[in-house]
Amino acid sequence: MLNRREHQQEVLGFLHNHLSFHDWIFSLPQGSGMETYFVQGNGQDYFVKVGAPIERYLAMAEIGLMPQILAFGHLEHGLSIMIQPYVKGRKPSRMDFQDHLEKIAMTIQKMHYDSGVKENITTGNFRPP
């Protein structure tokens, strides 16, 4: 079974170096996926993802398909890390998808056909502005 807190101490160091030296409070999102955290500190709530393809997320954030990325980089052993503002929400239901089918289709089209996203996904050459 995947240890979803395997790099928590390294994440804490990254938070101290890139946001502030603060008493950070960690919690885990529901599920059993990648190593991700909800983190509170600095009077803010954040979402931290470890091991994600940073270039892809940066490109999608640049065109508004996801929240901005506040900080990104690599942990000691080379795993990627990125920090975003926490967006309160819930897991969409089938009805949510049915009720917003046109918006979802437009989002998927934008993600798949935007030249910047497409280029940066295939080449990994994204450099933030």
N, C-alpha and C. Protein backbone atom coordinates (compact mmCIF):
# COMPACT_ATOMS: atom_id res chain seq x y z
N MET A 1 0.83 -1.19 0.00
CA MET A 1 0.00 0.00 0.00
C MET A 1 0.88 1.25 0.00
N LEU A 2 0.49 2.24 -0.76
CA LEU A 2 1.20 3.50 -0.89
C LEU A 2 1.14 4.27 0.43
N ASN A 3 2.29 4.77 0.89
CA ASN A 3 2.33 5.61 2.08
C ASN A 3 2.03 7.04 1.64
N ARG A 4 0.83 7.50 1.91
CA ARG A 4 0.41 8.81 1.44
C ARG A 4 1.03 9.96 2.23
N ARG A 5 1.82 9.66 3.25
CA ARG A 5 2.52 10.69 4.02
C ARG A 5 4.04 10.52 3.94
N GLU A 6 4.49 9.77 2.95
CA GLU A 6 5.90 9.40 2.85
C GLU A 6 6.84 10.60 2.85
N HIS A 7 6.48 11.68 2.21
CA HIS A 7 7.37 12.83 2.06
C HIS A 7 6.90 14.05 2.85
N GLN A 8 6.08 13.83 3.86
CA GLN A 8 5.48 14.96 4.59
C GLN A 8 6.54 15.88 5.20
N GLN A 9 7.62 15.33 5.74
CA GLN A 9 8.66 16.18 6.33
C GLN A 9 9.36 17.03 5.27
N GLU A 10 9.58 16.45 4.08
CA GLU A 10 10.18 17.23 2.98
C GLU A 10 9.22 18.31 2.51
N VAL A 11 7.92 17.99 2.47
CA VAL A 11 6.90 18.97 2.09
C VAL A 11 6.91 20.11 3.09
N LEU A 12 7.01 19.79 4.37
CA LEU A 12 7.07 20.81 5.41
C LEU A 12 8.26 21.74 5.18
N GLY A 13 9.42 21.18 4.86
CA GLY A 13 10.59 22.00 4.55
C GLY A 13 10.36 22.89 3.35
N PHE A 14 9.70 22.36 2.31
CA PHE A 14 9.40 23.15 1.12
C PHE A 14 8.47 24.31 1.47
N LEU A 15 7.46 24.04 2.29
CA LEU A 15 6.54 25.11 2.72
C LEU A 15 7.29 26.19 3.48
N HIS A 16 8.19 25.78 4.38
CA HIS A 16 8.97 26.76 5.14
C HIS A 16 9.83 27.61 4.22
N ASN A 17 10.43 26.99 3.22
CA ASN A 17 11.32 27.71 2.31
C ASN A 17 10.59 28.60 1.31
N HIS A 18 9.37 28.22 0.90
CA HIS A 18 8.71 28.94 -0.19
C HIS A 18 7.51 29.78 0.22
N LEU A 19 6.90 29.49 1.37
CA LEU A 19 5.77 30.30 1.79
C LEU A 19 6.07 31.02 3.10
N SER A 20 6.31 30.28 4.15
CA SER A 20 6.70 30.91 5.42
C SER A 20 7.07 29.84 6.43
N PHE A 21 7.79 30.26 7.44
CA PHE A 21 8.10 29.36 8.53
C PHE A 21 6.93 29.47 9.49
N HIS A 22 6.07 28.50 9.47
CA HIS A 22 4.82 28.55 10.19
C HIS A 22 4.50 27.17 10.74
N ASP A 23 3.63 27.10 11.72
CA ASP A 23 3.15 25.81 12.19
C ASP A 23 2.08 25.32 11.22
N TRP A 24 2.45 24.48 10.31
CA TRP A 24 1.55 23.98 9.27
C TRP A 24 0.74 22.80 9.80
N ILE A 25 -0.53 22.75 9.42
CA ILE A 25 -1.42 21.66 9.81
C ILE A 25 -1.75 20.86 8.55
N PHE A 26 -1.41 19.59 8.55
CA PHE A 26 -1.61 18.70 7.40
C PHE A 26 -2.84 17.83 7.59
N SER A 27 -3.55 17.58 6.50
CA SER A 27 -4.60 16.56 6.47
C SER A 27 -4.59 15.94 5.08
N LEU A 28 -5.18 14.77 4.98
CA LEU A 28 -5.21 14.05 3.70
C LEU A 28 -6.59 14.14 3.07
N PRO A 29 -6.63 14.37 1.76
CA PRO A 29 -7.91 14.30 1.06
C PRO A 29 -8.44 12.86 1.08
N GLN A 30 -9.73 12.69 0.89
CA GLN A 30 -10.28 11.35 0.79
C GLN A 30 -9.71 10.66 -0.43
N GLY A 31 -9.64 9.36 -0.38
CA GLY A 31 -9.17 8.60 -1.53
C GLY A 31 -7.88 7.88 -1.23
N SER A 32 -7.34 7.29 -2.27
CA SER A 32 -6.12 6.50 -2.11
C SER A 32 -5.14 6.77 -3.23
N GLY A 33 -5.21 7.94 -3.81
CA GLY A 33 -4.38 8.27 -4.96
C GLY A 33 -2.98 8.71 -4.58
N MET A 34 -2.46 9.63 -5.38
CA MET A 34 -1.10 10.12 -5.19
C MET A 34 -0.96 10.82 -3.84
N GLU A 35 0.26 11.13 -3.52
CA GLU A 35 0.54 11.83 -2.26
C GLU A 35 0.12 13.29 -2.41
N THR A 36 -0.95 13.64 -1.75
CA THR A 36 -1.49 14.99 -1.76
C THR A 36 -1.87 15.37 -0.33
N TYR A 37 -1.89 16.66 -0.08
CA TYR A 37 -2.21 17.15 1.25
C TYR A 37 -3.10 18.38 1.15
N PHE A 38 -3.95 18.54 2.15
CA PHE A 38 -4.56 19.82 2.45
C PHE A 38 -3.68 20.38 3.57
N VAL A 39 -3.29 21.63 3.44
CA VAL A 39 -2.39 22.22 4.43
C VAL A 39 -2.96 23.58 4.84
N GLN A 40 -2.96 23.80 6.15
CA GLN A 40 -3.40 25.09 6.68
C GLN A 40 -2.22 25.77 7.36
N GLY A 41 -2.13 27.06 7.13
CA GLY A 41 -1.09 27.85 7.77
C GLY A 41 -1.07 29.23 7.14
N ASN A 42 -0.46 30.17 7.80
CA ASN A 42 -0.38 31.51 7.24
C ASN A 42 -1.76 32.14 7.11
N GLY A 43 -2.76 31.61 7.82
CA GLY A 43 -4.13 32.11 7.67
C GLY A 43 -4.78 31.69 6.36
N GLN A 44 -4.21 30.73 5.66
CA GLN A 44 -4.69 30.28 4.37
C GLN A 44 -4.81 28.76 4.34
N ASP A 45 -5.54 28.27 3.34
CA ASP A 45 -5.64 26.84 3.08
C ASP A 45 -5.01 26.56 1.72
N TYR A 46 -4.24 25.48 1.63
CA TYR A 46 -3.52 25.15 0.42
C TYR A 46 -3.75 23.69 0.04
N PHE A 47 -3.49 23.40 -1.23
CA PHE A 47 -3.48 22.04 -1.74
C PHE A 47 -2.07 21.76 -2.23
N VAL A 48 -1.47 20.67 -1.76
CA VAL A 48 -0.10 20.32 -2.12
C VAL A 48 -0.12 18.96 -2.82
N LYS A 49 0.52 18.89 -3.97
CA LYS A 49 0.58 17.65 -4.74
C LYS A 49 2.04 17.27 -4.96
N VAL A 50 2.37 16.02 -4.67
CA VAL A 50 3.73 15.51 -4.82
C VAL A 50 3.75 14.51 -5.98
N GLY A 51 4.75 14.63 -6.85
CA GLY A 51 4.93 13.66 -7.93
C GLY A 51 4.10 13.92 -9.17
N ALA A 52 3.55 15.08 -9.31
CA ALA A 52 2.71 15.41 -10.47
C ALA A 52 3.56 15.98 -11.60
N PRO A 53 3.07 15.88 -12.85
CA PRO A 53 3.78 16.49 -13.98
C PRO A 53 3.61 18.02 -13.96
N ILE A 54 4.56 18.70 -13.36
CA ILE A 54 4.46 20.14 -13.12
C ILE A 54 4.20 20.93 -14.40
N GLU A 55 4.91 20.61 -15.47
CA GLU A 55 4.76 21.38 -16.71
C GLU A 55 3.32 21.38 -17.20
N ARG A 56 2.68 20.24 -17.11
CA ARG A 56 1.28 20.12 -17.55
C ARG A 56 0.38 21.01 -16.70
N TYR A 57 0.57 20.97 -15.39
CA TYR A 57 -0.27 21.77 -14.50
C TYR A 57 0.00 23.26 -14.68
N LEU A 58 1.25 23.65 -14.87
CA LEU A 58 1.57 25.06 -15.10
C LEU A 58 0.90 25.57 -16.38
N ALA A 59 0.96 24.78 -17.42
CA ALA A 59 0.36 25.19 -18.68
C ALA A 59 -1.15 25.31 -18.54
N MET A 60 -1.79 24.39 -17.85
CA MET A 60 -3.24 24.46 -17.68
C MET A 60 -3.64 25.62 -16.77
N ALA A 61 -2.84 25.90 -15.75
CA ALA A 61 -3.14 27.03 -14.87
C ALA A 61 -3.01 28.35 -15.64
N GLU A 62 -2.05 28.42 -16.54
CA GLU A 62 -1.83 29.65 -17.30
C GLU A 62 -3.06 30.02 -18.15
N ILE A 63 -3.80 29.04 -18.64
CA ILE A 63 -4.98 29.36 -19.47
C ILE A 63 -6.28 29.25 -18.67
N GLY A 64 -6.17 29.17 -17.35
CA GLY A 64 -7.35 29.23 -16.50
C GLY A 64 -8.12 27.94 -16.30
N LEU A 65 -7.52 26.80 -16.61
CA LEU A 65 -8.21 25.54 -16.43
C LEU A 65 -8.09 24.99 -15.02
N MET A 66 -7.27 25.59 -14.22
CA MET A 66 -7.11 25.17 -12.83
C MET A 66 -6.59 26.36 -12.04
N PRO A 67 -6.65 26.29 -10.70
CA PRO A 67 -6.14 27.40 -9.89
C PRO A 67 -4.65 27.63 -10.12
N GLN A 68 -4.24 28.86 -9.88
CA GLN A 68 -2.82 29.21 -10.06
C GLN A 68 -1.93 28.35 -9.19
N ILE A 69 -0.71 28.21 -9.59
CA ILE A 69 0.27 27.47 -8.82
C ILE A 69 1.13 28.50 -8.08
N LEU A 70 1.09 28.44 -6.77
CA LEU A 70 1.76 29.44 -5.95
C LEU A 70 3.25 29.19 -5.82
N ALA A 71 3.63 27.92 -5.79
CA ALA A 71 5.05 27.55 -5.69
C ALA A 71 5.19 26.15 -6.26
N PHE A 72 6.35 25.88 -6.86
CA PHE A 72 6.61 24.55 -7.39
C PHE A 72 8.10 24.31 -7.39
N GLY A 73 8.47 23.04 -7.47
CA GLY A 73 9.88 22.69 -7.48
C GLY A 73 10.03 21.19 -7.30
N HIS A 74 11.12 20.81 -6.65
CA HIS A 74 11.40 19.39 -6.43
C HIS A 74 11.86 19.17 -5.00
N LEU A 75 11.49 18.04 -4.46
CA LEU A 75 11.93 17.64 -3.14
C LEU A 75 13.33 17.05 -3.24
N GLU A 76 13.91 16.68 -2.12
CA GLU A 76 15.29 16.21 -2.07
C GLU A 76 15.60 15.07 -3.03
N HIS A 77 14.69 14.13 -3.17
CA HIS A 77 14.94 12.96 -4.02
C HIS A 77 14.42 13.14 -5.45
N GLY A 78 14.15 14.38 -5.83
CA GLY A 78 13.77 14.68 -7.21
C GLY A 78 12.28 14.65 -7.50
N LEU A 79 11.44 14.26 -6.55
CA LEU A 79 10.00 14.28 -6.79
C LEU A 79 9.50 15.71 -6.92
N SER A 80 8.59 15.91 -7.84
CA SER A 80 8.03 17.25 -8.03
C SER A 80 7.07 17.59 -6.89
N ILE A 81 6.91 18.87 -6.67
CA ILE A 81 5.95 19.37 -5.69
C ILE A 81 5.36 20.66 -6.21
N MET A 82 4.06 20.84 -5.97
CA MET A 82 3.43 22.11 -6.32
C MET A 82 2.39 22.45 -5.27
N ILE A 83 2.21 23.76 -5.09
CA ILE A 83 1.28 24.26 -4.08
C ILE A 83 0.28 25.18 -4.78
N GLN A 84 -0.99 24.95 -4.50
CA GLN A 84 -2.06 25.76 -5.05
C GLN A 84 -2.96 26.22 -3.91
N PRO A 85 -3.75 27.27 -4.13
CA PRO A 85 -4.76 27.62 -3.14
C PRO A 85 -5.77 26.47 -3.06
N TYR A 86 -6.28 26.23 -1.88
CA TYR A 86 -7.31 25.22 -1.69
C TYR A 86 -8.63 25.78 -2.22
N VAL A 87 -9.31 24.99 -3.02
CA VAL A 87 -10.61 25.37 -3.56
C VAL A 87 -11.65 24.45 -2.93
N LYS A 88 -12.54 25.02 -2.15
CA LYS A 88 -13.56 24.22 -1.48
C LYS A 88 -14.54 23.69 -2.53
N GLY A 89 -14.87 22.45 -2.42
CA GLY A 89 -15.80 21.85 -3.36
C GLY A 89 -16.13 20.43 -2.96
N ARG A 90 -16.72 19.73 -3.87
CA ARG A 90 -17.08 18.34 -3.64
C ARG A 90 -16.82 17.55 -4.91
N LYS A 91 -16.79 16.26 -4.78
CA LYS A 91 -16.61 15.40 -5.94
C LYS A 91 -17.86 15.49 -6.81
N PRO A 92 -17.70 15.80 -8.11
CA PRO A 92 -18.88 15.93 -8.97
C PRO A 92 -19.62 14.60 -9.13
N SER A 93 -20.91 14.67 -9.19
CA SER A 93 -21.74 13.49 -9.41
C SER A 93 -21.98 13.32 -10.91
N ARG A 94 -22.55 12.20 -11.29
CA ARG A 94 -22.92 11.99 -12.69
C ARG A 94 -23.89 13.07 -13.15
N MET A 95 -24.80 13.44 -12.27
CA MET A 95 -25.78 14.49 -12.61
C MET A 95 -25.08 15.82 -12.86
N ASP A 96 -24.03 16.13 -12.08
CA ASP A 96 -23.28 17.37 -12.30
C ASP A 96 -22.71 17.38 -13.72
N PHE A 97 -22.14 16.26 -14.14
CA PHE A 97 -21.58 16.18 -15.49
C PHE A 97 -22.68 16.34 -16.53
N GLN A 98 -23.80 15.70 -16.32
CA GLN A 98 -24.91 15.79 -17.28
C GLN A 98 -25.46 17.22 -17.35
N ASP A 99 -25.56 17.87 -16.21
CA ASP A 99 -26.12 19.23 -16.17
C ASP A 99 -25.18 20.27 -16.78
N HIS A 100 -23.89 19.96 -16.87
CA HIS A 100 -22.90 20.93 -17.37
C HIS A 100 -22.10 20.35 -18.53
N LEU A 101 -22.73 19.54 -19.32
CA LEU A 101 -22.05 18.84 -20.40
C LEU A 101 -21.34 19.78 -21.38
N GLU A 102 -21.99 20.86 -21.76
CA GLU A 102 -21.39 21.79 -22.72
C GLU A 102 -20.13 22.44 -22.14
N LYS A 103 -20.20 22.87 -20.90
CA LYS A 103 -19.04 23.50 -20.25
C LYS A 103 -17.89 22.50 -20.13
N ILE A 104 -18.20 21.27 -19.77
CA ILE A 104 -17.17 20.24 -19.64
C ILE A 104 -16.53 19.95 -20.99
N ALA A 105 -17.36 19.86 -22.05
CA ALA A 105 -16.82 19.62 -23.39
C ALA A 105 -15.91 20.76 -23.83
N MET A 106 -16.30 22.01 -23.54
CA MET A 106 -15.47 23.15 -23.91
C MET A 106 -14.14 23.14 -23.14
N THR A 107 -14.17 22.75 -21.88
CA THR A 107 -12.96 22.66 -21.07
C THR A 107 -12.02 21.60 -21.61
N ILE A 108 -12.57 20.44 -21.93
CA ILE A 108 -11.75 19.35 -22.48
C ILE A 108 -11.16 19.76 -23.82
N GLN A 109 -11.96 20.41 -24.65
CA GLN A 109 -11.45 20.87 -25.95
C GLN A 109 -10.30 21.86 -25.75
N LYS A 110 -10.48 22.79 -24.84
CA LYS A 110 -9.43 23.78 -24.58
C LYS A 110 -8.15 23.09 -24.10
N MET A 111 -8.31 22.11 -23.22
CA MET A 111 -7.15 21.40 -22.68
C MET A 111 -6.42 20.63 -23.78
N HIS A 112 -7.16 20.00 -24.68
CA HIS A 112 -6.54 19.16 -25.70
C HIS A 112 -6.04 19.93 -26.92
N TYR A 113 -6.60 21.11 -27.17
CA TYR A 113 -6.23 21.81 -28.40
C TYR A 113 -5.49 23.12 -28.18
N ASP A 114 -5.37 23.60 -26.97
CA ASP A 114 -4.60 24.81 -26.73
C ASP A 114 -3.14 24.53 -27.07
N SER A 115 -2.57 25.35 -27.93
CA SER A 115 -1.21 25.09 -28.40
C SER A 115 -0.20 25.11 -27.26
N GLY A 116 -0.38 26.01 -26.30
CA GLY A 116 0.55 26.08 -25.18
C GLY A 116 0.49 24.84 -24.30
N VAL A 117 -0.71 24.38 -24.00
CA VAL A 117 -0.85 23.17 -23.18
C VAL A 117 -0.31 21.97 -23.94
N LYS A 118 -0.71 21.88 -25.20
CA LYS A 118 -0.28 20.74 -26.03
C LYS A 118 1.25 20.69 -26.14
N GLU A 119 1.86 21.82 -26.42
CA GLU A 119 3.33 21.87 -26.57
C GLU A 119 4.01 21.51 -25.25
N ASN A 120 3.53 22.07 -24.16
CA ASN A 120 4.20 21.85 -22.88
C ASN A 120 3.97 20.47 -22.32
N ILE A 121 2.90 19.83 -22.70
CA ILE A 121 2.68 18.45 -22.27
C ILE A 121 3.63 17.53 -23.02
N THR A 122 3.80 17.77 -24.30
CA THR A 122 4.62 16.87 -25.10
C THR A 122 6.11 17.14 -24.94
N THR A 123 6.50 18.39 -24.73
CA THR A 123 7.93 18.70 -24.67
C THR A 123 8.44 18.90 -23.24
N GLY A 124 7.54 19.30 -22.34
CA GLY A 124 7.98 19.61 -20.98
C GLY A 124 8.79 20.87 -20.90
N ASN A 125 8.66 21.77 -21.89
CA ASN A 125 9.45 22.99 -21.94
C ASN A 125 8.76 24.21 -21.39
N PHE A 126 7.78 24.04 -20.55
CA PHE A 126 7.05 25.19 -20.02
C PHE A 126 7.91 26.01 -19.09
N ARG A 127 7.90 27.29 -19.28
CA ARG A 127 8.56 28.21 -18.36
C ARG A 127 7.52 29.26 -17.99
N PRO A 128 7.23 29.40 -16.69
CA PRO A 128 6.21 30.36 -16.28
C PRO A 128 6.61 31.78 -16.63
N PRO A 129 5.61 32.64 -16.86
CA PRO A 129 5.90 34.03 -17.23
C PRO A 129 6.59 34.78 -16.10
